[in-house]
């Protein structure tokens, strides 16, 4: 589900642990989101999209355009 999360995180040089700490998650949760073992809830999706300044649709691979419509 969130393969794109891993890609964005790695391109920006952010570790799973840093992302987890910045968003108030555990490193294990981030790992599970990236591997598709666990799905993020709405609040977490919004936090991740805001953190990376991309749309939720981009994170969920529903679009290839990272832009956010605000």
PDB file of N, CA and C in Angstrom:
ATOM      1  N   UNK A   1       0.813  -1.199   0.000  1.00  0.00           N
ATOM      2  CA  UNK A   1       0.000   0.000   0.000  1.00  0.00           C
ATOM      3  C   UNK A   1       0.854   1.260   0.000  1.00  0.00           C
ATOM      4  N   UNK A   2       1.851   1.319   0.862  1.00  0.00           N
ATOM      5  CA  UNK A   2       2.575   2.575   1.012  1.00  0.00           C
ATOM      6  C   UNK A   2       4.030   2.438   0.539  1.00  0.00           C
ATOM      7  N   UNK A   3       4.234   1.742  -0.578  1.00  0.00           N
ATOM      8  CA  UNK A   3       5.583   1.651  -1.126  1.00  0.00           C
ATOM      9  C   UNK A   3       6.141   3.035  -1.414  1.00  0.00           C
ATOM     10  N   UNK A   4       5.262   3.934  -1.779  1.00  0.00           N
ATOM     11  CA  UNK A   4       5.703   5.282  -2.097  1.00  0.00           C
ATOM     12  C   UNK A   4       6.239   5.992  -0.855  1.00  0.00           C
ATOM     13  N   UNK A   5       5.709   5.686   0.299  1.00  0.00           N
ATOM     14  CA  UNK A   5       6.203   6.279   1.543  1.00  0.00           C
ATOM     15  C   UNK A   5       7.689   5.989   1.696  1.00  0.00           C
ATOM     16  N   UNK A   6       8.075   4.752   1.491  1.00  0.00           N
ATOM     17  CA  UNK A   6       9.483   4.368   1.610  1.00  0.00           C
ATOM     18  C   UNK A   6      10.330   5.127   0.592  1.00  0.00           C
ATOM     19  N   UNK A   7       9.843   5.225  -0.617  1.00  0.00           N
ATOM     20  CA  UNK A   7      10.569   5.913  -1.670  1.00  0.00           C
ATOM     21  C   UNK A   7      10.800   7.388  -1.328  1.00  0.00           C
ATOM     22  N   UNK A   8       9.758   8.069  -0.903  1.00  0.00           N
ATOM     23  CA  UNK A   8       9.866   9.490  -0.536  1.00  0.00           C
ATOM     24  C   UNK A   8      10.817   9.656   0.644  1.00  0.00           C
ATOM     25  N   UNK A   9      10.645   8.822   1.638  1.00  0.00           N
ATOM     26  CA  UNK A   9      11.465   8.908   2.851  1.00  0.00           C
ATOM     27  C   UNK A   9      12.941   8.728   2.501  1.00  0.00           C
ATOM     28  N   UNK A  10      13.250   7.720   1.699  1.00  0.00           N
ATOM     29  CA  UNK A  10      14.642   7.455   1.346  1.00  0.00           C
ATOM     30  C   UNK A  10      15.225   8.556   0.467  1.00  0.00           C
ATOM     31  N   UNK A  11      14.429   9.072  -0.485  1.00  0.00           N
ATOM     32  CA  UNK A  11      14.909  10.155  -1.353  1.00  0.00           C
ATOM     33  C   UNK A  11      15.268  11.400  -0.548  1.00  0.00           C
ATOM     34  N   UNK A  12      14.580  11.606   0.547  1.00  0.00           N
ATOM     35  CA  UNK A  12      14.832  12.793   1.375  1.00  0.00           C
ATOM     36  C   UNK A  12      15.831  12.525   2.491  1.00  0.00           C
ATOM     37  N   UNK A  13      16.353  11.291   2.522  1.00  0.00           N
ATOM     38  CA  UNK A  13      17.383  10.953   3.502  1.00  0.00           C
ATOM     39  C   UNK A  13      16.884  10.892   4.933  1.00  0.00           C
ATOM     40  N   UNK A  14      15.644  10.481   5.109  1.00  0.00           N
ATOM     41  CA  UNK A  14      15.038  10.402   6.439  1.00  0.00           C
ATOM     42  C   UNK A  14      14.940   8.933   6.848  1.00  0.00           C
ATOM     43  N   UNK A  15      15.408   8.622   8.021  1.00  0.00           N
ATOM     44  CA  UNK A  15      15.325   7.241   8.513  1.00  0.00           C
ATOM     45  C   UNK A  15      13.913   6.938   9.003  1.00  0.00           C
ATOM     46  N   UNK A  16      13.618   5.668   9.111  1.00  0.00           N
ATOM     47  CA  UNK A  16      12.321   5.267   9.670  1.00  0.00           C
ATOM     48  C   UNK A  16      12.180   5.799  11.086  1.00  0.00           C
ATOM     49  N   UNK A  17      13.264   5.739  11.839  1.00  0.00           N
ATOM     50  CA  UNK A  17      13.219   6.193  13.226  1.00  0.00           C
ATOM     51  C   UNK A  17      12.943   7.692  13.317  1.00  0.00           C
ATOM     52  N   UNK A  18      13.602   8.496  12.479  1.00  0.00           N
ATOM     53  CA  UNK A  18      13.367   9.947  12.488  1.00  0.00           C
ATOM     54  C   UNK A  18      11.926  10.260  12.123  1.00  0.00           C
ATOM     55  N   UNK A  19      11.423   9.624  11.057  1.00  0.00           N
ATOM     56  CA  UNK A  19      10.035   9.839  10.653  1.00  0.00           C
ATOM     57  C   UNK A  19       9.089   9.474  11.800  1.00  0.00           C
ATOM     58  N   UNK A  20       9.337   8.330  12.400  1.00  0.00           N
ATOM     59  CA  UNK A  20       8.492   7.884  13.507  1.00  0.00           C
ATOM     60  C   UNK A  20       8.509   8.885  14.657  1.00  0.00           C
ATOM     61  N   UNK A  21       9.684   9.343  15.020  1.00  0.00           N
ATOM     62  CA  UNK A  21       9.798  10.295  16.130  1.00  0.00           C
ATOM     63  C   UNK A  21       9.107  11.613  15.789  1.00  0.00           C
ATOM     64  N   UNK A  22       9.284  12.095  14.566  1.00  0.00           N
ATOM     65  CA  UNK A  22       8.671  13.361  14.161  1.00  0.00           C
ATOM     66  C   UNK A  22       7.146  13.290  14.132  1.00  0.00           C
ATOM     67  N   UNK A  23       6.609  12.103  13.849  1.00  0.00           N
ATOM     68  CA  UNK A  23       5.151  11.951  13.749  1.00  0.00           C
ATOM     69  C   UNK A  23       4.520  11.314  14.991  1.00  0.00           C
ATOM     70  N   UNK A  24       5.321  11.015  15.982  1.00  0.00           N
ATOM     71  CA  UNK A  24       4.783  10.411  17.200  1.00  0.00           C
ATOM     72  C   UNK A  24       4.369   8.960  17.016  1.00  0.00           C
ATOM     73  N   UNK A  25       5.103   8.260  16.157  1.00  0.00           N
ATOM     74  CA  UNK A  25       4.837   6.847  15.891  1.00  0.00           C
ATOM     75  C   UNK A  25       6.012   6.020  16.383  1.00  0.00           C
ATOM     76  N   UNK A  26       5.924   4.716  16.225  1.00  0.00           N
ATOM     77  CA  UNK A  26       7.065   3.857  16.497  1.00  0.00           C
ATOM     78  C   UNK A  26       7.735   3.502  15.173  1.00  0.00           C
ATOM     79  N   UNK A  27       9.012   3.184  15.233  1.00  0.00           N
ATOM     80  CA  UNK A  27       9.735   2.777  14.036  1.00  0.00           C
ATOM     81  C   UNK A  27       9.102   1.514  13.459  1.00  0.00           C
ATOM     82  N   UNK A  28       8.628   0.649  14.324  1.00  0.00           N
ATOM     83  CA  UNK A  28       7.978  -0.587  13.894  1.00  0.00           C
ATOM     84  C   UNK A  28       6.717  -0.289  13.080  1.00  0.00           C
ATOM     85  N   UNK A  29       5.948   0.713  13.485  1.00  0.00           N
ATOM     86  CA  UNK A  29       4.743   1.085  12.734  1.00  0.00           C
ATOM     87  C   UNK A  29       5.104   1.583  11.342  1.00  0.00           C
ATOM     88  N   UNK A  30       6.120   2.443  11.255  1.00  0.00           N
ATOM     89  CA  UNK A  30       6.551   2.960   9.953  1.00  0.00           C
ATOM     90  C   UNK A  30       6.981   1.798   9.060  1.00  0.00           C
ATOM     91  N   UNK A  31       7.745   0.875   9.612  1.00  0.00           N
ATOM     92  CA  UNK A  31       8.188  -0.296   8.855  1.00  0.00           C
ATOM     93  C   UNK A  31       6.999  -1.102   8.344  1.00  0.00           C
ATOM     94  N   UNK A  32       6.013  -1.284   9.173  1.00  0.00           N
ATOM     95  CA  UNK A  32       4.825  -2.054   8.764  1.00  0.00           C
ATOM     96  C   UNK A  32       4.002  -1.323   7.719  1.00  0.00           C
ATOM     97  N   UNK A  33       3.916   0.005   7.810  1.00  0.00           N
ATOM     98  CA  UNK A  33       3.223   0.783   6.778  1.00  0.00           C
ATOM     99  C   UNK A  33       3.935   0.622   5.439  1.00  0.00           C
ATOM    100  N   UNK A  34       5.254   0.721   5.467  1.00  0.00           N
ATOM    101  CA  UNK A  34       6.031   0.632   4.234  1.00  0.00           C
ATOM    102  C   UNK A  34       5.965  -0.749   3.592  1.00  0.00           C
ATOM    103  N   UNK A  35       5.891  -1.772   4.399  1.00  0.00           N
ATOM    104  CA  UNK A  35       5.869  -3.136   3.865  1.00  0.00           C
ATOM    105  C   UNK A  35       4.461  -3.621   3.525  1.00  0.00           C
ATOM    106  N   UNK A  36       3.456  -2.852   3.921  1.00  0.00           N
ATOM    107  CA  UNK A  36       2.081  -3.231   3.624  1.00  0.00           C
ATOM    108  C   UNK A  36       1.461  -4.190   4.620  1.00  0.00           C
ATOM    109  N   UNK A  37       2.174  -4.454   5.711  1.00  0.00           N
ATOM    110  CA  UNK A  37       1.645  -5.335   6.751  1.00  0.00           C
ATOM    111  C   UNK A  37       0.518  -4.644   7.508  1.00  0.00           C
ATOM    112  N   UNK A  38       0.621  -3.336   7.613  1.00  0.00           N
ATOM    113  CA  UNK A  38      -0.363  -2.543   8.356  1.00  0.00           C
ATOM    114  C   UNK A  38      -0.760  -1.329   7.521  1.00  0.00           C
ATOM    115  N   UNK A  39      -2.010  -0.911   7.635  1.00  0.00           N
ATOM    116  CA  UNK A  39      -2.478   0.276   6.921  1.00  0.00           C
ATOM    117  C   UNK A  39      -2.634   1.434   7.900  1.00  0.00           C
ATOM    118  N   UNK A  40      -2.181   2.595   7.451  1.00  0.00           N
ATOM    119  CA  UNK A  40      -2.275   3.793   8.287  1.00  0.00           C
ATOM    120  C   UNK A  40      -3.721   4.270   8.366  1.00  0.00           C
ATOM    121  N   UNK A  41      -4.099   4.787   9.529  1.00  0.00           N
ATOM    122  CA  UNK A  41      -5.426   5.380   9.663  1.00  0.00           C
ATOM    123  C   UNK A  41      -5.424   6.776   9.038  1.00  0.00           C
ATOM    124  N   UNK A  42      -6.591   7.378   8.972  1.00  0.00           N
ATOM    125  CA  UNK A  42      -6.743   8.683   8.313  1.00  0.00           C
ATOM    126  C   UNK A  42      -5.838   9.743   8.935  1.00  0.00           C
ATOM    127  N   UNK A  43      -5.825   9.819  10.241  1.00  0.00           N
ATOM    128  CA  UNK A  43      -5.017  10.823  10.941  1.00  0.00           C
ATOM    129  C   UNK A  43      -3.538  10.667  10.600  1.00  0.00           C
ATOM    130  N   UNK A  44      -3.064   9.444  10.550  1.00  0.00           N
ATOM    131  CA  UNK A  44      -1.666   9.179  10.230  1.00  0.00           C
ATOM    132  C   UNK A  44      -1.366   9.506   8.772  1.00  0.00           C
ATOM    133  N   UNK A  45      -2.295   9.176   7.877  1.00  0.00           N
ATOM    134  CA  UNK A  45      -2.111   9.520   6.460  1.00  0.00           C
ATOM    135  C   UNK A  45      -1.991  11.028   6.274  1.00  0.00           C
ATOM    136  N   UNK A  46      -2.849  11.772   6.941  1.00  0.00           N
ATOM    137  CA  UNK A  46      -2.804  13.234   6.846  1.00  0.00           C
ATOM    138  C   UNK A  46      -1.463  13.748   7.385  1.00  0.00           C
ATOM    139  N   UNK A  47      -1.028  13.209   8.514  1.00  0.00           N
ATOM    140  CA  UNK A  47       0.241  13.641   9.110  1.00  0.00           C
ATOM    141  C   UNK A  47       1.412  13.354   8.169  1.00  0.00           C
ATOM    142  N   UNK A  48       1.408  12.185   7.537  1.00  0.00           N
ATOM    143  CA  UNK A  48       2.483  11.832   6.601  1.00  0.00           C
ATOM    144  C   UNK A  48       2.458  12.724   5.363  1.00  0.00           C
ATOM    145  N   UNK A  49       1.280  12.951   4.842  1.00  0.00           N
ATOM    146  CA  UNK A  49       1.153  13.804   3.655  1.00  0.00           C
ATOM    147  C   UNK A  49       1.622  15.228   3.982  1.00  0.00           C
ATOM    148  N   UNK A  50       1.233  15.756   5.131  1.00  0.00           N
ATOM    149  CA  UNK A  50       1.671  17.083   5.539  1.00  0.00           C
ATOM    150  C   UNK A  50       3.181  17.118   5.757  1.00  0.00           C
ATOM    151  N   UNK A  51       3.722  16.103   6.363  1.00  0.00           N
ATOM    152  CA  UNK A  51       5.160  16.019   6.655  1.00  0.00           C
ATOM    153  C   UNK A  51       5.985  16.114   5.364  1.00  0.00           C
ATOM    154  N   UNK A  52       5.545  15.393   4.343  1.00  0.00           N
ATOM    155  CA  UNK A  52       6.274  15.365   3.082  1.00  0.00           C
ATOM    156  C   UNK A  52       5.743  16.382   2.061  1.00  0.00           C
ATOM    157  N   UNK A  53       4.706  17.110   2.427  1.00  0.00           N
ATOM    158  CA  UNK A  53       4.076  18.104   1.558  1.00  0.00           C
ATOM    159  C   UNK A  53       3.627  17.487   0.228  1.00  0.00           C
ATOM    160  N   UNK A  54       2.931  16.374   0.340  1.00  0.00           N
ATOM    161  CA  UNK A  54       2.352  15.684  -0.824  1.00  0.00           C
ATOM    162  C   UNK A  54       0.894  15.370  -0.504  1.00  0.00           C
ATOM    163  N   UNK A  55       0.149  14.978  -1.522  1.00  0.00           N
ATOM    164  CA  UNK A  55      -1.249  14.615  -1.291  1.00  0.00           C
ATOM    165  C   UNK A  55      -1.355  13.178  -0.767  1.00  0.00           C
ATOM    166  N   UNK A  56      -2.459  12.910  -0.115  1.00  0.00           N
ATOM    167  CA  UNK A  56      -2.723  11.545   0.342  1.00  0.00           C
ATOM    168  C   UNK A  56      -2.838  10.616  -0.864  1.00  0.00           C
ATOM    169  N   UNK A  57      -3.463  11.087  -1.931  1.00  0.00           N
ATOM    170  CA  UNK A  57      -3.578  10.272  -3.139  1.00  0.00           C
ATOM    171  C   UNK A  57      -2.204   9.890  -3.684  1.00  0.00           C
ATOM    172  N   UNK A  58      -1.248  10.793  -3.574  1.00  0.00           N
ATOM    173  CA  UNK A  58       0.111  10.486  -4.025  1.00  0.00           C
ATOM    174  C   UNK A  58       0.722   9.396  -3.144  1.00  0.00           C
ATOM    175  N   UNK A  59       0.563   9.509  -1.847  1.00  0.00           N
ATOM    176  CA  UNK A  59       1.079   8.481  -0.935  1.00  0.00           C
ATOM    177  C   UNK A  59       0.460   7.120  -1.226  1.00  0.00           C
ATOM    178  N   UNK A  60      -0.830   7.125  -1.545  1.00  0.00           N
ATOM    179  CA  UNK A  60      -1.548   5.868  -1.785  1.00  0.00           C
ATOM    180  C   UNK A  60      -1.430   5.386  -3.232  1.00  0.00           C
ATOM    181  N   UNK A  61      -0.600   6.094  -4.030  1.00  0.00           N
ATOM    182  CA  UNK A  61      -0.336   5.733  -5.416  1.00  0.00           C
ATOM    183  C   UNK A  61      -1.577   5.792  -6.301  1.00  0.00           C
ATOM    184  N   UNK A  62      -2.477   6.704  -5.954  1.00  0.00           N
ATOM    185  CA  UNK A  62      -3.661   6.926  -6.782  1.00  0.00           C
ATOM    186  C   UNK A  62      -3.386   7.951  -7.867  1.00  0.00           C
ATOM    187  N   UNK A  63      -2.255   8.663  -7.727  1.00  0.00           N
ATOM    188  CA  UNK A  63      -1.818   9.636  -8.718  1.00  0.00           C
ATOM    189  C   UNK A  63      -0.297   9.696  -8.695  1.00  0.00           C
ATOM    190  N   UNK A  64       0.272  10.129  -9.793  1.00  0.00           N
ATOM    191  CA  UNK A  64       1.719  10.317  -9.847  1.00  0.00           C
ATOM    192  C   UNK A  64       2.101  11.776  -9.641  1.00  0.00           C
ATOM    193  N   UNK A  65       1.126  12.618  -9.384  1.00  0.00           N
ATOM    194  CA  UNK A  65       1.371  14.039  -9.149  1.00  0.00           C
ATOM    195  C   UNK A  65       1.376  14.297  -7.647  1.00  0.00           C
ATOM    196  N   UNK A  66       2.535  14.682  -7.109  1.00  0.00           N
ATOM    197  CA  UNK A  66       2.635  14.856  -5.658  1.00  0.00           C
ATOM    198  C   UNK A  66       1.964  16.102  -5.117  1.00  0.00           C
ATOM    199  N   UNK A  67       1.565  17.025  -5.969  1.00  0.00           N
ATOM    200  CA  UNK A  67       1.019  18.301  -5.528  1.00  0.00           C
ATOM    201  C   UNK A  67      -0.161  18.191  -4.599  1.00  0.00           C
ATOM    202  N   UNK A  68      -0.269  19.190  -3.728  1.00  0.00           N
ATOM    203  CA  UNK A  68      -1.346  19.253  -2.745  1.00  0.00           C
ATOM    204  C   UNK A  68      -2.316  20.344  -3.180  1.00  0.00           C
ATOM    205  N   UNK A  69      -3.595  20.052  -3.187  1.00  0.00           N
ATOM    206  CA  UNK A  69      -4.631  21.048  -3.497  1.00  0.00           C
ATOM    207  C   UNK A  69      -5.164  21.604  -2.187  1.00  0.00           C
ATOM    208  N   UNK A  70      -4.867  22.860  -1.943  1.00  0.00           N
ATOM    209  CA  UNK A  70      -5.341  23.464  -0.697  1.00  0.00           C
ATOM    210  C   UNK A  70      -6.186  24.651  -1.001  1.00  0.00           C
TER     211      UNK A  70
END
